Amino acid sequence: MKKTTKFMLFALAPLLLGACSSGGGGVADEPDVPDTPSPVEKLPIRITTVVNPTRATDYAFEAGDKIGLYVVNRKADGTASDLQAKGNYVDNMRFTYNGTWAPDSPVYWLDDKTHADFYLYYPYTATISDVKAMPFSVKADQSTEAAYKAGDLLIGSAKDIAPTEAAVSITARHAMSQMLITLVAGNGFTEESLAAADVAVKINGVKTNATVNLATAAVTATGSATSVKPLLADGSYKALIVPQSVGQGNLITVTVDGRDFNLPKAFTFEGGKRHKFTVTLSKTSNGINVTIGQWEDDGTDNGGTAE
């Protein structure tokens, strides 16, 4: 019995070794490891801006300018989602201009398929509690360049944009209206005497506060009416006015050496429009002649004579 057992074990040994070894090498097989998929690299969100028309401040964007950006992803069926104060894909991300726009922290597309809507505004404010009624105001005294520029609100959007490596181009438009007043010597004045006179200009009966809908760019004037002191630049007076309709009254008062020349007029200020007033001062008629054109300077003359 003992001899038979040893023989059987010896005969089975090659079979046992073959079952535990790989062909020829005698090394145990490694288990198959599935290929690990490479992570999908997310596309960074980049933007570029176009101001249409040129900025009301008569300047391009300058180094250090800051905008706020909201990004709202489209639904699975491609329809738009509403812009909200919070809970959008990107909420009020601050971008700073230095030749190109850079975010405070990197932002990326959700994936390579989901379309999105972009909303931006300038100048940036850290906290917005209601994107459909954001408070904004222009200065009552715009006689300095800084005070004037502070009222240049720009709003822009780009809709249904597919994920892209390229910068998304967003057109920013003026939300305010610009009023440009040029004084011309009439009866009793010469250009020299007018230039040497003590002259002050004010715009009366306008509201300087507003609420702004960042989704639609609609502006609503709020608060009480007041007078605005414009900026004197390049021989003309200019001011940024909240879009609104002003009833009949002394819209413009020009004070020359203590004497007031008033223009009684009702007028509607439109967002994104330049309303040009050429005012001819006349001592003999106590009148002011005014011509009005669009911000785009299309040459339309809608003016008249005020006495």
C-alpha atoms as a PDB file:
ATOM      1  CA  MET A   1       0.000   0.000   0.000  1.00  0.00           C
ATOM      2  CA  LYS A   2       2.774   2.458   0.799  1.00  0.00           C
ATOM      3  CA  LYS A   3       4.535   1.922  -2.563  1.00  0.00           C
ATOM      4  CA  THR A   4       1.284   2.402  -4.512  1.00  0.00           C
ATOM      5  CA  THR A   5       0.581   5.733  -2.772  1.00  0.00           C
ATOM      6  CA  LYS A   6       4.053   7.159  -3.537  1.00  0.00           C
ATOM      7  CA  PHE A   7       3.733   6.187  -7.211  1.00  0.00           C
ATOM      8  CA  MET A   8       0.390   7.928  -7.616  1.00  0.00           C
ATOM      9  CA  LEU A   9       1.682  11.151  -6.069  1.00  0.00           C
ATOM     10  CA  PHE A  10       4.724  11.119  -8.319  1.00  0.00           C
ATOM     11  CA  ALA A  11       2.550  10.621 -11.407  1.00  0.00           C
ATOM     12  CA  LEU A  12       0.233  13.502 -10.507  1.00  0.00           C
ATOM     13  CA  ALA A  13       3.015  15.993  -9.787  1.00  0.00           C
ATOM     14  CA  PRO A  14       3.477  17.246 -13.404  1.00  0.00           C
ATOM     15  CA  LEU A  15      -0.263  17.818 -13.717  1.00  0.00           C
ATOM     16  CA  LEU A  16      -0.342  19.850 -10.521  1.00  0.00           C
ATOM     17  CA  LEU A  17       2.624  21.946 -11.648  1.00  0.00           C
ATOM     18  CA  GLY A  18       1.015  22.559 -15.061  1.00  0.00           C
ATOM     19  CA  ALA A  19      -2.166  23.793 -13.427  1.00  0.00           C
ATOM     20  CA  CYS A  20      -0.226  26.340 -11.354  1.00  0.00           C
ATOM     21  CA  SER A  21       2.094  27.684 -14.036  1.00  0.00           C
ATOM     22  CA  SER A  22       1.816  29.614 -17.272  1.00  0.00           C
ATOM     23  CA  GLY A  23       2.984  28.069 -20.444  1.00  0.00           C
ATOM     24  CA  GLY A  24       6.727  27.714 -20.714  1.00  0.00           C
ATOM     25  CA  GLY A  25       7.821  30.304 -18.197  1.00  0.00           C
ATOM     26  CA  GLY A  26       6.654  28.768 -15.016  1.00  0.00           C
ATOM     27  CA  VAL A  27       5.378  32.215 -13.775  1.00  0.00           C
ATOM     28  CA  ALA A  28       1.862  32.576 -12.397  1.00  0.00           C
ATOM     29  CA  ASP A  29      -0.610  34.472 -14.638  1.00  0.00           C
ATOM     30  CA  GLU A  30      -1.407  38.068 -13.627  1.00  0.00           C
ATOM     31  CA  PRO A  31      -5.136  38.848 -13.395  1.00  0.00           C
ATOM     32  CA  ASP A  32      -6.515  41.034 -16.203  1.00  0.00           C
ATOM     33  CA  VAL A  33      -6.682  44.720 -15.135  1.00  0.00           C
ATOM     34  CA  PRO A  34      -9.292  46.805 -16.974  1.00  0.00           C
ATOM     35  CA  ASP A  35      -8.056  49.972 -18.669  1.00  0.00           C
ATOM     36  CA  THR A  36      -8.683  53.065 -16.525  1.00  0.00           C
ATOM     37  CA  PRO A  37     -10.348  55.772 -18.635  1.00  0.00           C
ATOM     38  CA  SER A  38      -8.469  59.060 -18.789  1.00  0.00           C
ATOM     39  CA  PRO A  39     -10.272  61.848 -16.901  1.00  0.00           C
ATOM     40  CA  VAL A  40     -12.162  64.242 -19.156  1.00  0.00           C
ATOM     41  CA  GLU A  41     -10.443  67.627 -19.069  1.00  0.00           C
ATOM     42  CA  LYS A  42     -13.004  70.370 -18.424  1.00  0.00           C
ATOM     43  CA  LEU A  43     -13.030  73.399 -20.656  1.00  0.00           C
ATOM     44  CA  PRO A  44     -12.316  76.678 -18.901  1.00  0.00           C
ATOM     45  CA  ILE A  45     -14.863  79.427 -19.416  1.00  0.00           C
ATOM     46  CA  ARG A  46     -13.305  82.433 -21.143  1.00  0.00           C
ATOM     47  CA  ILE A  47     -15.041  85.643 -22.147  1.00  0.00           C
ATOM     48  CA  THR A  48     -14.380  88.671 -24.282  1.00  0.00           C
ATOM     49  CA  THR A  49     -16.484  91.834 -24.356  1.00  0.00           C
ATOM     50  CA  VAL A  50     -17.699  94.176 -27.047  1.00  0.00           C
ATOM     51  CA  VAL A  51     -19.188  97.501 -25.998  1.00  0.00           C
ATOM     52  CA  ASN A  52     -21.933  98.739 -28.311  1.00  0.00           C
ATOM     53  CA  PRO A  53     -21.890 101.602 -28.894  1.00  0.00           C
ATOM     54  CA  THR A  54     -18.629 102.952 -27.469  1.00  0.00           C
ATOM     55  CA  ARG A  55     -18.758 103.412 -23.730  1.00  0.00           C
ATOM     56  CA  ALA A  56     -20.681 106.390 -22.483  1.00  0.00           C
ATOM     57  CA  THR A  57     -17.612 107.446 -20.560  1.00  0.00           C
ATOM     58  CA  ASP A  58     -15.812 107.773 -23.931  1.00  0.00           C
ATOM     59  CA  TYR A  59     -13.194 105.301 -22.773  1.00  0.00           C
ATOM     60  CA  ALA A  60     -12.543 101.657 -23.508  1.00  0.00           C
ATOM     61  CA  PHE A  61     -12.272  99.217 -20.624  1.00  0.00           C
ATOM     62  CA  GLU A  62      -9.233 100.042 -18.541  1.00  0.00           C
ATOM     63  CA  ALA A  63      -6.868  97.853 -16.541  1.00  0.00           C
ATOM     64  CA  GLY A  64      -8.469  97.068 -13.216  1.00  0.00           C
ATOM     65  CA  ASP A  65     -12.093  97.361 -14.403  1.00  0.00           C
ATOM     66  CA  LYS A  66     -14.298  94.652 -12.895  1.00  0.00           C
ATOM     67  CA  ILE A  67     -17.458  92.972 -14.144  1.00  0.00           C
ATOM     68  CA  GLY A  68     -19.804  90.399 -12.626  1.00  0.00           C
ATOM     69  CA  LEU A  69     -20.728  87.251 -14.586  1.00  0.00           C
ATOM     70  CA  TYR A  70     -23.623  84.835 -14.191  1.00  0.00           C
ATOM     71  CA  VAL A  71     -23.795  81.556 -16.134  1.00  0.00           C
ATOM     72  CA  VAL A  72     -27.081  79.638 -16.320  1.00  0.00           C
ATOM     73  CA  ASN A  73     -26.983  76.145 -17.815  1.00  0.00           C
ATOM     74  CA  ARG A  74     -29.713  75.131 -20.227  1.00  0.00           C
ATOM     75  CA  LYS A  75     -32.113  72.317 -19.310  1.00  0.00           C
ATOM     76  CA  ALA A  76     -31.710  68.800 -20.734  1.00  0.00           C
ATOM     77  CA  ASP A  77     -34.236  69.594 -23.475  1.00  0.00           C
ATOM     78  CA  GLY A  78     -32.306  72.736 -24.428  1.00  0.00           C
ATOM     79  CA  THR A  79     -34.756  75.263 -23.001  1.00  0.00           C
ATOM     80  CA  ALA A  80     -33.564  78.190 -20.910  1.00  0.00           C
ATOM     81  CA  SER A  81     -33.586  78.369 -17.129  1.00  0.00           C
ATOM     82  CA  ASP A  82     -34.340  81.611 -15.285  1.00  0.00           C
ATOM     83  CA  LEU A  83     -31.532  83.744 -13.951  1.00  0.00           C
ATOM     84  CA  GLN A  84     -31.619  83.661 -10.151  1.00  0.00           C
ATOM     85  CA  ALA A  85     -29.852  85.626  -7.428  1.00  0.00           C
ATOM     86  CA  LYS A  86     -28.210  82.383  -6.259  1.00  0.00           C
ATOM     87  CA  GLY A  87     -28.044  78.785  -7.393  1.00  0.00           C
ATOM     88  CA  ASN A  88     -27.016  79.435 -10.997  1.00  0.00           C
ATOM     89  CA  TYR A  89     -24.130  77.454 -12.441  1.00  0.00           C
ATOM     90  CA  VAL A  90     -21.915  80.530 -11.899  1.00  0.00           C
ATOM     91  CA  ASP A  91     -23.056  83.224  -9.466  1.00  0.00           C
ATOM     92  CA  ASN A  92     -21.724  86.771  -9.788  1.00  0.00           C
ATOM     93  CA  MET A  93     -18.133  85.725 -10.504  1.00  0.00           C
ATOM     94  CA  ARG A  94     -15.870  88.743 -10.569  1.00  0.00           C
ATOM     95  CA  PHE A  95     -13.690  89.154 -13.657  1.00  0.00           C
ATOM     96  CA  THR A  96     -10.905  91.752 -13.772  1.00  0.00           C
ATOM     97  CA  TYR A  97      -9.651  93.331 -16.968  1.00  0.00           C
ATOM     98  CA  ASN A  98      -5.953  93.478 -17.799  1.00  0.00           C
ATOM     99  CA  GLY A  99      -5.975  93.204 -21.561  1.00  0.00           C
ATOM    100  CA  THR A 100      -8.126  90.086 -21.150  1.00  0.00           C
ATOM    101  CA  TRP A 101     -10.753  89.166 -18.574  1.00  0.00           C
ATOM    102  CA  ALA A 102      -9.572  86.940 -15.702  1.00  0.00           C
ATOM    103  CA  PRO A 103     -11.911  85.454 -13.048  1.00  0.00           C
ATOM    104  CA  ASP A 104     -11.130  85.535  -9.339  1.00  0.00           C
ATOM    105  CA  SER A 105     -11.008  81.725  -9.492  1.00  0.00           C
ATOM    106  CA  PRO A 106     -11.140  79.355 -12.490  1.00  0.00           C
ATOM    107  CA  VAL A 107     -14.587  78.501 -13.843  1.00  0.00           C
ATOM    108  CA  TYR A 108     -15.347  75.644 -16.224  1.00  0.00           C
ATOM    109  CA  TRP A 109     -18.114  74.459 -18.506  1.00  0.00           C
ATOM    110  CA  LEU A 110     -20.279  71.764 -16.921  1.00  0.00           C
ATOM    111  CA  ASP A 111     -19.289  69.322 -19.683  1.00  0.00           C
ATOM    112  CA  ASP A 112     -18.714  69.318 -23.429  1.00  0.00           C
ATOM    113  CA  LYS A 113     -22.413  69.222 -24.337  1.00  0.00           C
ATOM    114  CA  THR A 114     -24.489  71.458 -22.060  1.00  0.00           C
ATOM    115  CA  HIS A 115     -25.326  74.877 -23.531  1.00  0.00           C
ATOM    116  CA  ALA A 116     -25.459  77.922 -21.284  1.00  0.00           C
ATOM    117  CA  ASP A 117     -26.682  81.522 -21.093  1.00  0.00           C
ATOM    118  CA  PHE A 118     -24.274  84.261 -20.003  1.00  0.00           C
ATOM    119  CA  TYR A 119     -25.165  87.526 -18.230  1.00  0.00           C
ATOM    120  CA  LEU A 120     -22.686  90.238 -17.292  1.00  0.00           C
ATOM    121  CA  TYR A 121     -22.809  93.721 -15.860  1.00  0.00           C
ATOM    122  CA  TYR A 122     -20.375  96.555 -15.088  1.00  0.00           C
ATOM    123  CA  PRO A 123     -19.359  97.913 -12.618  1.00  0.00           C
ATOM    124  CA  TYR A 124     -19.071  94.940 -10.268  1.00  0.00           C
ATOM    125  CA  THR A 125     -20.843  94.851  -6.914  1.00  0.00           C
ATOM    126  CA  ALA A 126     -20.170  92.100  -4.398  1.00  0.00           C
ATOM    127  CA  THR A 127     -23.727  91.464  -3.192  1.00  0.00           C
ATOM    128  CA  ILE A 128     -26.869  91.403  -5.328  1.00  0.00           C
ATOM    129  CA  SER A 129     -29.957  90.193  -3.519  1.00  0.00           C
ATOM    130  CA  ASP A 130     -32.322  90.534  -6.491  1.00  0.00           C
ATOM    131  CA  VAL A 131     -30.984  90.160 -10.051  1.00  0.00           C
ATOM    132  CA  LYS A 132     -34.310  91.388 -11.423  1.00  0.00           C
ATOM    133  CA  ALA A 133     -34.277  94.579  -9.350  1.00  0.00           C
ATOM    134  CA  MET A 134     -30.624  95.425  -8.744  1.00  0.00           C
ATOM    135  CA  PRO A 135     -30.343  98.922  -7.262  1.00  0.00           C
ATOM    136  CA  PHE A 136     -28.219 101.433  -9.161  1.00  0.00           C
ATOM    137  CA  SER A 137     -27.794 105.189  -9.149  1.00  0.00           C
ATOM    138  CA  VAL A 138     -26.025 107.965 -10.976  1.00  0.00           C
ATOM    139  CA  LYS A 139     -24.458 110.875  -9.126  1.00  0.00           C
ATOM    140  CA  ALA A 140     -26.361 114.117  -8.730  1.00  0.00           C
ATOM    141  CA  ASP A 141     -23.030 115.913  -9.028  1.00  0.00           C
ATOM    142  CA  GLN A 142     -21.225 114.526 -12.080  1.00  0.00           C
ATOM    143  CA  SER A 143     -18.874 117.485 -12.442  1.00  0.00           C
ATOM    144  CA  THR A 144     -15.786 115.294 -11.933  1.00  0.00           C
ATOM    145  CA  GLU A 145     -14.708 112.546 -14.301  1.00  0.00           C
ATOM    146  CA  ALA A 146     -14.785 109.929 -11.534  1.00  0.00           C
ATOM    147  CA  ALA A 147     -18.352 110.849 -10.550  1.00  0.00           C
ATOM    148  CA  TYR A 148     -19.451 110.812 -14.172  1.00  0.00           C
ATOM    149  CA  LYS A 149     -17.865 107.431 -14.948  1.00  0.00           C
ATOM    150  CA  ALA A 150     -19.444 105.869 -11.849  1.00  0.00           C
ATOM    151  CA  GLY A 151     -22.834 106.115 -13.563  1.00  0.00           C
ATOM    152  CA  ASP A 152     -21.895 104.143 -16.685  1.00  0.00           C
ATOM    153  CA  LEU A 153     -23.792 100.891 -16.161  1.00  0.00           C
ATOM    154  CA  LEU A 154     -23.215  98.260 -18.856  1.00  0.00           C
ATOM    155  CA  ILE A 155     -25.303  95.104 -19.227  1.00  0.00           C
ATOM    156  CA  GLY A 156     -24.740  92.254 -21.659  1.00  0.00           C
ATOM    157  CA  SER A 157     -25.815  88.723 -22.417  1.00  0.00           C
ATOM    158  CA  ALA A 158     -25.076  85.826 -24.765  1.00  0.00           C
ATOM    159  CA  LYS A 159     -27.659  83.067 -25.085  1.00  0.00           C
ATOM    160  CA  ASP A 160     -27.603  79.355 -25.885  1.00  0.00           C
ATOM    161  CA  ILE A 161     -23.823  79.085 -26.156  1.00  0.00           C
ATOM    162  CA  ALA A 162     -22.278  75.657 -26.797  1.00  0.00           C
ATOM    163  CA  PRO A 163     -19.190  74.658 -24.788  1.00  0.00           C
ATOM    164  CA  THR A 164     -16.103  75.949 -26.535  1.00  0.00           C
ATOM    165  CA  GLU A 165     -12.402  76.469 -26.026  1.00  0.00           C
ATOM    166  CA  ALA A 166     -12.727  79.930 -27.531  1.00  0.00           C
ATOM    167  CA  ALA A 167     -13.686  83.002 -25.532  1.00  0.00           C
ATOM    168  CA  VAL A 168     -17.418  83.697 -25.459  1.00  0.00           C
ATOM    169  CA  SER A 169     -18.083  87.135 -26.961  1.00  0.00           C
ATOM    170  CA  ILE A 170     -20.619  89.162 -24.982  1.00  0.00           C
ATOM    171  CA  THR A 171     -21.930  92.508 -26.206  1.00  0.00           C
ATOM    172  CA  ALA A 172     -22.354  94.984 -23.355  1.00  0.00           C
ATOM    173  CA  ARG A 173     -24.784  97.846 -23.869  1.00  0.00           C
ATOM    174  CA  HIS A 174     -25.326 101.088 -21.997  1.00  0.00           C
ATOM    175  CA  ALA A 175     -28.203 100.930 -19.559  1.00  0.00           C
ATOM    176  CA  MET A 176     -28.186 104.673 -18.905  1.00  0.00           C
ATOM    177  CA  SER A 177     -28.894 107.576 -21.258  1.00  0.00           C
ATOM    178  CA  GLN A 178     -26.305 110.215 -22.068  1.00  0.00           C
ATOM    179  CA  MET A 179     -27.161 113.906 -22.273  1.00  0.00           C
ATOM    180  CA  LEU A 180     -24.732 116.115 -24.183  1.00  0.00           C
ATOM    181  CA  ILE A 181     -25.209 119.895 -23.932  1.00  0.00           C
ATOM    182  CA  THR A 182     -23.297 122.377 -26.085  1.00  0.00           C
ATOM    183  CA  LEU A 183     -23.663 126.126 -25.468  1.00  0.00           C
ATOM    184  CA  VAL A 184     -23.645 128.535 -28.418  1.00  0.00           C
ATOM    185  CA  ALA A 185     -23.571 132.338 -28.284  1.00  0.00           C
ATOM    186  CA  GLY A 186     -26.768 133.964 -29.553  1.00  0.00           C
ATOM    187  CA  ASN A 187     -28.103 137.526 -29.430  1.00  0.00           C
ATOM    188  CA  GLY A 188     -26.235 139.622 -26.883  1.00  0.00           C
ATOM    189  CA  PHE A 189     -23.315 137.199 -26.622  1.00  0.00           C
ATOM    190  CA  THR A 190     -20.138 136.532 -28.506  1.00  0.00           C
ATOM    191  CA  GLU A 191     -18.126 133.359 -28.320  1.00  0.00           C
ATOM    192  CA  GLU A 192     -15.443 135.356 -26.469  1.00  0.00           C
ATOM    193  CA  SER A 193     -17.851 136.887 -23.930  1.00  0.00           C
ATOM    194  CA  LEU A 194     -19.523 133.532 -23.311  1.00  0.00           C
ATOM    195  CA  ALA A 195     -16.155 131.855 -22.836  1.00  0.00           C
ATOM    196  CA  ALA A 196     -15.129 134.532 -20.316  1.00  0.00           C
ATOM    197  CA  ALA A 197     -18.429 134.419 -18.391  1.00  0.00           C
ATOM    198  CA  ASP A 198     -19.162 132.545 -15.184  1.00  0.00           C
ATOM    199  CA  VAL A 199     -21.302 129.712 -16.535  1.00  0.00           C
ATOM    200  CA  ALA A 200     -23.110 126.918 -14.682  1.00  0.00           C
ATOM    201  CA  VAL A 201     -25.399 124.252 -16.122  1.00  0.00           C
ATOM    202  CA  LYS A 202     -27.860 121.953 -14.397  1.00  0.00           C
ATOM    203  CA  ILE A 203     -30.429 119.395 -15.541  1.00  0.00           C
ATOM    204  CA  ASN A 204     -33.670 119.561 -13.571  1.00  0.00           C
ATOM    205  CA  GLY A 205     -36.443 117.205 -12.569  1.00  0.00           C
ATOM    206  CA  VAL A 206     -34.682 113.880 -13.146  1.00  0.00           C
ATOM    207  CA  LYS A 207     -34.519 110.801 -10.926  1.00  0.00           C
ATOM    208  CA  THR A 208     -31.042 109.506 -10.162  1.00  0.00           C
ATOM    209  CA  ASN A 209     -31.981 106.126  -8.648  1.00  0.00           C
ATOM    210  CA  ALA A 210     -33.112 102.998 -10.467  1.00  0.00           C
ATOM    211  CA  THR A 211     -33.635  99.266 -10.318  1.00  0.00           C
ATOM    212  CA  VAL A 212     -32.173  97.111 -13.079  1.00  0.00           C
ATOM    213  CA  ASN A 213     -33.198  93.691 -14.377  1.00  0.00           C
ATOM    214  CA  LEU A 214     -29.952  91.930 -15.331  1.00  0.00           C
ATOM    215  CA  ALA A 215     -31.837  89.302 -17.337  1.00  0.00           C
ATOM    216  CA  THR A 216     -33.682  91.747 -19.595  1.00  0.00           C
ATOM    217  CA  ALA A 217     -31.586  94.945 -19.152  1.00  0.00           C
ATOM    218  CA  ALA A 218     -34.784  96.837 -18.264  1.00  0.00           C
ATOM    219  CA  VAL A 219     -34.224  99.924 -16.101  1.00  0.00           C
ATOM    220  CA  THR A 220     -36.878 101.509 -13.875  1.00  0.00           C
ATOM    221  CA  ALA A 221     -36.352 104.977 -12.409  1.00  0.00           C
ATOM    222  CA  THR A 222     -37.133 105.228  -8.691  1.00  0.00           C
ATOM    223  CA  GLY A 223     -37.146 107.812  -5.938  1.00  0.00           C
ATOM    224  CA  SER A 224     -37.573 111.562  -6.074  1.00  0.00           C
ATOM    225  CA  ALA A 225     -36.520 113.910  -8.838  1.00  0.00           C
ATOM    226  CA  THR A 226     -33.551 116.213  -8.336  1.00  0.00           C
ATOM    227  CA  SER A 227     -31.084 118.309 -10.314  1.00  0.00           C
ATOM    228  CA  VAL A 228     -27.928 116.923 -11.917  1.00  0.00           C
ATOM    229  CA  LYS A 229     -24.733 118.891 -12.405  1.00  0.00           C
ATOM    230  CA  PRO A 230     -22.989 117.704 -15.616  1.00  0.00           C
ATOM    231  CA  LEU A 231     -19.310 117.299 -16.425  1.00  0.00           C
ATOM    232  CA  LEU A 232     -17.626 119.946 -18.562  1.00  0.00           C
ATOM    233  CA  ALA A 233     -15.365 118.156 -21.041  1.00  0.00           C
ATOM    234  CA  ASP A 234     -14.053 119.199 -24.448  1.00  0.00           C
ATOM    235  CA  GLY A 235     -16.228 122.290 -24.493  1.00  0.00           C
ATOM    236  CA  SER A 236     -19.542 120.507 -23.829  1.00  0.00           C
ATOM    237  CA  TYR A 237     -21.481 119.419 -20.755  1.00  0.00           C
ATOM    238  CA  LYS A 238     -22.418 115.775 -20.401  1.00  0.00           C
ATOM    239  CA  ALA A 239     -24.296 113.708 -17.854  1.00  0.00           C
ATOM    240  CA  LEU A 240     -25.551 110.158 -17.485  1.00  0.00           C
ATOM    241  CA  ILE A 241     -29.296 110.062 -16.883  1.00  0.00           C
ATOM    242  CA  VAL A 242     -31.468 107.185 -15.685  1.00  0.00           C
ATOM    243  CA  PRO A 243     -33.921 106.310 -18.511  1.00  0.00           C
ATOM    244  CA  GLN A 244     -37.222 108.026 -17.721  1.00  0.00           C
ATOM    245  CA  SER A 245     -39.852 110.423 -18.986  1.00  0.00           C
ATOM    246  CA  VAL A 246     -39.669 113.935 -17.572  1.00  0.00           C
ATOM    247  CA  GLY A 247     -42.774 116.114 -17.559  1.00  0.00           C
ATOM    248  CA  GLN A 248     -43.009 119.695 -18.758  1.00  0.00           C
ATOM    249  CA  GLY A 249     -40.734 121.957 -16.745  1.00  0.00           C
ATOM    250  CA  ASN A 250     -37.380 123.698 -16.822  1.00  0.00           C
ATOM    251  CA  LEU A 251     -35.354 120.754 -18.079  1.00  0.00           C
ATOM    252  CA  ILE A 252     -32.109 122.723 -18.453  1.00  0.00           C
ATOM    253  CA  THR A 253     -30.998 125.801 -16.567  1.00  0.00           C
ATOM    254  CA  VAL A 254     -27.944 127.693 -17.807  1.00  0.00           C
ATOM    255  CA  THR A 255     -26.716 130.393 -15.439  1.00  0.00           C
ATOM    256  CA  VAL A 256     -24.502 133.026 -17.069  1.00  0.00           C
ATOM    257  CA  ASP A 257     -22.979 135.619 -14.734  1.00  0.00           C
ATOM    258  CA  GLY A 258     -25.839 135.133 -12.299  1.00  0.00           C
ATOM    259  CA  ARG A 259     -28.645 135.218 -14.870  1.00  0.00           C
ATOM    260  CA  ASP A 260     -30.719 132.076 -15.496  1.00  0.00           C
ATOM    261  CA  PHE A 261     -31.720 130.865 -18.952  1.00  0.00           C
ATOM    262  CA  ASN A 262     -34.321 128.094 -18.666  1.00  0.00           C
ATOM    263  CA  LEU A 263     -35.441 125.557 -21.213  1.00  0.00           C
ATOM    264  CA  PRO A 264     -39.021 124.394 -20.447  1.00  0.00           C
ATOM    265  CA  LYS A 265     -39.428 120.998 -22.063  1.00  0.00           C
ATOM    266  CA  ALA A 266     -40.858 117.521 -21.530  1.00  0.00           C
ATOM    267  CA  PHE A 267     -38.496 114.802 -22.623  1.00  0.00           C
ATOM    268  CA  THR A 268     -38.016 111.012 -22.621  1.00  0.00           C
ATOM    269  CA  PHE A 269     -34.523 109.674 -21.944  1.00  0.00           C
ATOM    270  CA  GLU A 270     -33.831 106.284 -23.527  1.00  0.00           C
ATOM    271  CA  GLY A 271     -31.256 103.774 -22.336  1.00  0.00           C
ATOM    272  CA  GLY A 272     -28.258 103.480 -24.633  1.00  0.00           C
ATOM    273  CA  LYS A 273     -29.096 106.734 -26.436  1.00  0.00           C
ATOM    274  CA  ARG A 274     -27.124 109.982 -26.583  1.00  0.00           C
ATOM    275  CA  HIS A 275     -29.460 112.962 -26.544  1.00  0.00           C
ATOM    276  CA  LYS A 276     -27.628 115.948 -27.942  1.00  0.00           C
ATOM    277  CA  PHE A 277     -28.765 119.451 -26.985  1.00  0.00           C
ATOM    278  CA  THR A 278     -27.246 122.433 -28.792  1.00  0.00           C
ATOM    279  CA  VAL A 279     -28.310 125.426 -26.683  1.00  0.00           C
ATOM    280  CA  THR A 280     -28.176 128.909 -28.186  1.00  0.00           C
ATOM    281  CA  LEU A 281     -28.255 131.599 -25.490  1.00  0.00           C
ATOM    282  CA  SER A 282     -29.991 134.854 -26.377  1.00  0.00           C
ATOM    283  CA  LYS A 283     -30.194 137.901 -24.112  1.00  0.00           C
ATOM    284  CA  THR A 284     -32.789 139.704 -26.210  1.00  0.00           C
ATOM    285  CA  SER A 285     -35.396 136.961 -26.190  1.00  0.00           C
ATOM    286  CA  ASN A 286     -34.484 135.278 -22.940  1.00  0.00           C
ATOM    287  CA  GLY A 287     -34.722 132.192 -25.073  1.00  0.00           C
ATOM    288  CA  ILE A 288     -32.791 129.023 -25.653  1.00  0.00           C
ATOM    289  CA  ASN A 289     -32.719 127.245 -28.968  1.00  0.00           C
ATOM    290  CA  VAL A 290     -32.274 123.486 -28.653  1.00  0.00           C
ATOM    291  CA  THR A 291     -31.638 120.702 -31.119  1.00  0.00           C
ATOM    292  CA  ILE A 292     -31.826 117.067 -30.123  1.00  0.00           C
ATOM    293  CA  GLY A 293     -30.193 114.105 -31.778  1.00  0.00           C
ATOM    294  CA  GLN A 294     -29.707 110.427 -30.938  1.00  0.00           C
ATOM    295  CA  TRP A 295     -26.629 109.067 -29.210  1.00  0.00           C
ATOM    296  CA  GLU A 296     -25.682 107.457 -32.505  1.00  0.00           C
ATOM    297  CA  ASP A 297     -25.573 111.013 -33.913  1.00  0.00           C
ATOM    298  CA  ASP A 298     -27.834 110.177 -36.815  1.00  0.00           C
ATOM    299  CA  GLY A 299     -28.292 113.858 -37.679  1.00  0.00           C
ATOM    300  CA  THR A 300     -31.971 114.000 -36.750  1.00  0.00           C
ATOM    301  CA  ASP A 301     -33.042 117.460 -35.575  1.00  0.00           C
ATOM    302  CA  ASN A 302     -36.075 117.332 -33.264  1.00  0.00           C
ATOM    303  CA  GLY A 303     -35.483 120.634 -31.557  1.00  0.00           C
ATOM    304  CA  GLY A 304     -37.300 123.893 -31.172  1.00  0.00           C
ATOM    305  CA  THR A 305     -37.092 127.337 -29.613  1.00  0.00           C
ATOM    306  CA  ALA A 306     -37.702 128.095 -25.953  1.00  0.00           C
ATOM    307  CA  GLU A 307     -38.509 131.655 -24.838  1.00  0.00           C
END
